[in-house]
Protein backbone atom coordinates (compact mmCIF):
# COMPACT_ATOMS: atom_id res chain seq x y z
CA MET A 1 91.39 54.10 73.32
CA ALA A 2 92.74 55.81 76.45
CA ILE A 3 96.02 54.55 77.89
CA GLY A 4 96.29 54.22 81.91
CA PRO A 5 94.02 53.81 84.81
CA LYS A 6 90.82 56.10 85.05
CA ARG A 7 90.54 55.84 88.88
CA PRO A 8 90.07 59.37 90.83
CA ARG A 9 92.47 58.03 93.52
CA PHE A 10 95.08 57.45 90.97
CA TYR A 11 94.97 61.20 89.68
CA LEU A 12 94.36 62.68 93.20
CA GLY A 13 97.50 60.63 94.20
CA VAL A 14 99.42 61.81 91.25
CA LEU A 15 98.69 65.41 91.92
CA VAL A 16 99.60 65.11 95.71
CA VAL A 17 102.87 63.61 94.84
CA GLY A 18 103.64 65.95 92.11
CA PHE A 19 102.98 69.12 94.19
CA ILE A 20 105.20 67.64 97.12
CA ILE A 21 108.09 66.93 94.74
CA GLY A 22 107.57 70.42 93.08
CA GLY A 23 107.45 72.09 96.27
CA PHE A 24 110.68 70.38 97.66
CA PHE A 25 112.48 71.59 94.35
CA SER A 26 111.16 75.22 94.59
CA ALA A 27 112.25 75.38 98.32
CA LEU A 28 115.79 73.83 97.29
CA LEU A 29 116.24 76.28 94.40
CA LYS A 30 115.18 79.29 96.73
CA GLN A 31 118.14 78.33 99.01
CA PHE A 32 120.76 77.56 96.71
CA LEU A 33 120.34 79.73 93.55
CA PRO A 34 121.51 83.31 93.71
CA ASP A 35 119.35 86.26 93.14
CA SER A 36 118.67 86.28 89.38
CA PRO A 37 115.92 86.29 87.02
CA ALA A 38 115.99 82.51 86.69
CA ARG A 39 115.45 82.30 90.55
CA SER A 40 112.55 84.62 90.52
CA PHE A 41 110.90 82.91 87.56
CA PHE A 42 111.00 79.59 88.94
CA THR A 43 110.15 80.13 92.53
CA TYR A 44 107.29 82.66 91.70
CA SER A 45 104.20 81.25 93.14
CA VAL A 46 100.51 81.82 93.55
CA THR A 47 98.59 80.96 96.41
CA PRO A 48 94.59 80.81 96.16
CA LYS A 49 92.95 80.55 99.49
CA ILE A 50 89.64 79.39 100.91
CA GLY A 51 88.40 80.60 104.12
CA PRO A 52 87.79 80.88 106.99
CA MET A 53 84.57 79.17 107.05
CA PRO A 54 82.82 78.71 110.34
CA VAL A 55 80.87 75.44 110.83
CA ASP A 56 78.14 75.22 113.53
CA LEU A 57 76.85 71.59 114.34
CA LEU A 58 74.75 72.99 117.36
CA VAL A 59 76.86 70.68 119.69
CA VAL A 60 80.53 71.64 118.17
CA SER A 61 81.41 74.74 116.35
CA PHE A 62 84.70 75.30 114.80
CA THR A 63 86.27 77.42 112.05
CA LEU A 64 88.01 75.74 108.88
CA GLY A 65 90.66 77.70 107.12
CA PRO A 66 92.18 79.56 105.57
CA VAL A 67 93.46 76.71 103.35
CA GLY A 68 95.63 77.49 100.37
CA LEU A 69 97.66 75.73 97.63
CA ASN A 70 100.88 77.13 96.75
CA VAL A 71 101.36 76.65 93.11
CA SER A 72 104.54 77.52 91.42
CA ILE A 73 106.15 76.59 87.72
CA LEU A 74 108.20 73.91 89.68
CA SER A 75 105.12 72.34 91.22
CA LEU A 76 103.25 72.00 88.06
CA ILE A 77 106.68 70.46 86.43
CA GLY A 78 106.41 68.07 89.33
CA VAL A 79 102.92 67.03 88.59
CA ALA A 80 103.72 66.47 85.16
CA VAL A 81 106.77 64.37 85.85
CA ALA A 82 104.82 62.43 88.43
CA TYR A 83 101.94 61.80 86.09
CA TYR A 84 104.44 60.42 83.26
CA VAL A 85 106.06 58.20 85.72
CA ALA A 86 102.99 56.84 87.24
CA ARG A 87 101.66 56.32 83.68
CA SER A 88 104.82 54.26 82.59
CA LEU A 89 104.43 52.29 85.77
CA PHE A 90 100.71 51.15 85.56
């Protein structure tokens, strides 16, 4: 039997909160850690991007993008921590 809520909004909220917390910690470490292998390991990030994508609706046309998601080790740790905290609360 599965434990925890099975709502898509719950998981989306956990992902958003986790990425925000992980991004905060990544920025904090970039600022305060000296140049070292630990700093480069924890602050290394990959940014997949989508776009630009033009949208033409006959009356209005606009371009979306590029939209990217900055993923680092600390952001993945932030998602895991947010999931465990949310699971223990609900």
